[in-house]
C-alpha atoms as a PDB file:
ATOM      1  CA  UNK A   1      52.800 -55.715 -30.832  1.00  0.00           C
ATOM      2  CA  UNK A   2      50.820 -53.169 -32.802  1.00  0.00           C
ATOM      3  CA  UNK A   3      51.903 -49.224 -32.494  1.00  0.00           C
ATOM      4  CA  UNK A   4      48.225 -49.085 -30.658  1.00  0.00           C
ATOM      5  CA  UNK A   5      48.852 -51.760 -28.483  1.00  0.00           C
ATOM      6  CA  UNK A   6      45.286 -53.679 -29.961  1.00  0.00           C
ATOM      7  CA  UNK A   7      44.933 -56.935 -31.475  1.00  0.00           C
ATOM      8  CA  UNK A   8      42.179 -58.047 -33.933  1.00  0.00           C
ATOM      9  CA  UNK A   9      41.248 -61.110 -35.125  1.00  0.00           C
ATOM     10  CA  UNK A  10      39.272 -61.191 -38.820  1.00  0.00           C
ATOM     11  CA  UNK A  11      37.478 -64.167 -39.318  1.00  0.00           C
ATOM     12  CA  UNK A  12      37.403 -64.733 -43.294  1.00  0.00           C
ATOM     13  CA  UNK A  13      39.670 -63.840 -46.574  1.00  0.00           C
ATOM     14  CA  UNK A  14      36.865 -62.086 -48.596  1.00  0.00           C
ATOM     15  CA  UNK A  15      36.466 -58.637 -49.968  1.00  0.00           C
ATOM     16  CA  UNK A  16      35.144 -57.341 -46.497  1.00  0.00           C
ATOM     17  CA  UNK A  17      37.231 -59.292 -44.191  1.00  0.00           C
ATOM     18  CA  UNK A  18      40.599 -58.339 -46.113  1.00  0.00           C
ATOM     19  CA  UNK A  19      39.251 -54.754 -46.188  1.00  0.00           C
ATOM     20  CA  UNK A  20      38.511 -54.687 -42.729  1.00  0.00           C
ATOM     21  CA  UNK A  21      42.133 -55.932 -42.186  1.00  0.00           C
ATOM     22  CA  UNK A  22      44.068 -53.190 -44.220  1.00  0.00           C
ATOM     23  CA  UNK A  23      41.984 -50.461 -42.831  1.00  0.00           C
ATOM     24  CA  UNK A  24      42.872 -51.561 -39.094  1.00  0.00           C
ATOM     25  CA  UNK A  25      46.677 -52.473 -40.170  1.00  0.00           C
ATOM     26  CA  UNK A  26      46.799 -48.638 -41.590  1.00  0.00           C
ATOM     27  CA  UNK A  27      45.761 -47.527 -37.897  1.00  0.00           C
ATOM     28  CA  UNK A  28      48.589 -49.478 -36.699  1.00  0.00           C
ATOM     29  CA  UNK A  29      46.764 -52.545 -35.239  1.00  0.00           C
ATOM     30  CA  UNK A  30      48.045 -55.799 -35.569  1.00  0.00           C
ATOM     31  CA  UNK A  31      45.474 -57.954 -37.437  1.00  0.00           C
ATOM     32  CA  UNK A  32      45.452 -61.538 -37.893  1.00  0.00           C
ATOM     33  CA  UNK A  33      43.211 -62.919 -40.584  1.00  0.00           C
ATOM     34  CA  UNK A  34      41.743 -66.520 -40.023  1.00  0.00           C
ATOM     35  CA  UNK A  35      40.385 -67.936 -43.214  1.00  0.00           C
ATOM     36  CA  UNK A  36      39.482 -71.785 -44.033  1.00  0.00           C
ATOM     37  CA  UNK A  37      41.005 -71.788 -47.549  1.00  0.00           C
ATOM     38  CA  UNK A  38      44.560 -72.981 -48.287  1.00  0.00           C
ATOM     39  CA  UNK A  39      44.891 -70.324 -50.893  1.00  0.00           C
ATOM     40  CA  UNK A  40      42.835 -67.238 -52.317  1.00  0.00           C
ATOM     41  CA  UNK A  41      41.822 -67.271 -55.580  1.00  0.00           C
ATOM     42  CA  UNK A  42      38.965 -67.143 -58.107  1.00  0.00           C
ATOM     43  CA  UNK A  43      36.273 -69.363 -57.447  1.00  0.00           C
ATOM     44  CA  UNK A  44      34.226 -68.961 -60.791  1.00  0.00           C
ATOM     45  CA  UNK A  45      31.929 -66.272 -59.487  1.00  0.00           C
ATOM     46  CA  UNK A  46      31.908 -62.432 -60.791  1.00  0.00           C
ATOM     47  CA  UNK A  47      31.908 -59.392 -58.437  1.00  0.00           C
ATOM     48  CA  UNK A  48      30.094 -56.208 -59.856  1.00  0.00           C
ATOM     49  CA  UNK A  49      31.690 -52.927 -58.039  1.00  0.00           C
ATOM     50  CA  UNK A  50      30.375 -49.461 -58.551  1.00  0.00           C
ATOM     51  CA  UNK A  51      32.099 -46.666 -58.390  1.00  0.00           C
ATOM     52  CA  UNK A  52      31.647 -46.238 -54.566  1.00  0.00           C
ATOM     53  CA  UNK A  53      33.548 -49.244 -53.985  1.00  0.00           C
ATOM     54  CA  UNK A  54      36.583 -48.269 -55.935  1.00  0.00           C
ATOM     55  CA  UNK A  55      36.986 -45.124 -54.013  1.00  0.00           C
ATOM     56  CA  UNK A  56      36.786 -47.311 -51.010  1.00  0.00           C
ATOM     57  CA  UNK A  57      39.388 -49.617 -52.552  1.00  0.00           C
ATOM     58  CA  UNK A  58      41.321 -46.585 -53.388  1.00  0.00           C
ATOM     59  CA  UNK A  59      41.212 -44.879 -49.907  1.00  0.00           C
ATOM     60  CA  UNK A  60      42.562 -48.190 -48.764  1.00  0.00           C
ATOM     61  CA  UNK A  61      45.251 -47.441 -51.048  1.00  0.00           C
ATOM     62  CA  UNK A  62      44.872 -50.925 -53.326  1.00  0.00           C
ATOM     63  CA  UNK A  63      42.603 -49.504 -55.894  1.00  0.00           C
ATOM     64  CA  UNK A  64      45.027 -49.511 -58.613  1.00  0.00           C
ATOM     65  CA  UNK A  65      45.968 -53.210 -58.045  1.00  0.00           C
ATOM     66  CA  UNK A  66      42.388 -54.061 -57.730  1.00  0.00           C
ATOM     67  CA  UNK A  67      41.224 -52.519 -61.000  1.00  0.00           C
ATOM     68  CA  UNK A  68      44.425 -54.345 -63.128  1.00  0.00           C
ATOM     69  CA  UNK A  69      42.517 -57.633 -62.792  1.00  0.00           C
ATOM     70  CA  UNK A  70      39.161 -56.290 -63.859  1.00  0.00           C
ATOM     71  CA  UNK A  71      36.953 -56.165 -66.573  1.00  0.00           C
ATOM     72  CA  UNK A  72      35.167 -53.267 -67.873  1.00  0.00           C
ATOM     73  CA  UNK A  73      32.022 -52.728 -69.570  1.00  0.00           C
ATOM     74  CA  UNK A  74      31.580 -50.036 -72.429  1.00  0.00           C
ATOM     75  CA  UNK A  75      28.546 -49.103 -74.027  1.00  0.00           C
ATOM     76  CA  UNK A  76      28.629 -49.745 -77.893  1.00  0.00           C
ATOM     77  CA  UNK A  77      27.028 -47.775 -80.430  1.00  0.00           C
ATOM     78  CA  UNK A  78      23.217 -49.374 -79.975  1.00  0.00           C
ATOM     79  CA  UNK A  79      23.346 -48.415 -76.178  1.00  0.00           C
ATOM     80  CA  UNK A  80      24.042 -52.138 -75.171  1.00  0.00           C
ATOM     81  CA  UNK A  81      26.751 -53.011 -72.990  1.00  0.00           C
ATOM     82  CA  UNK A  82      29.842 -55.457 -74.263  1.00  0.00           C
ATOM     83  CA  UNK A  83      32.512 -56.700 -72.612  1.00  0.00           C
ATOM     84  CA  UNK A  84      35.922 -55.432 -73.599  1.00  0.00           C
END
C-alpha cells in the first residue's frame, strides 16, 4: 500500500503514461503501469521537445537522463539548423 492509501493504474507506457506514473509515485501513490509492449525502446520515430517539456522533465527529476539521449540542433553560420 502507498503512503496515501491510494492505488492507481496507468494504461500506456509512453511519455504521458510514464510521466503521470512518476508524478503520482512522487506524491506517495502506488502506481501500476500497464503496457502491451514486451519491452520499452525506440520504435523508429523521433520526438521534438521544447524548453517547457524539458522543464517538466526536470520537475519530475528525470531531465538529466532524458537529455543524455537527445540529439540537439544548433544554428550554422548561414542560419540553417543542422545536427550536432
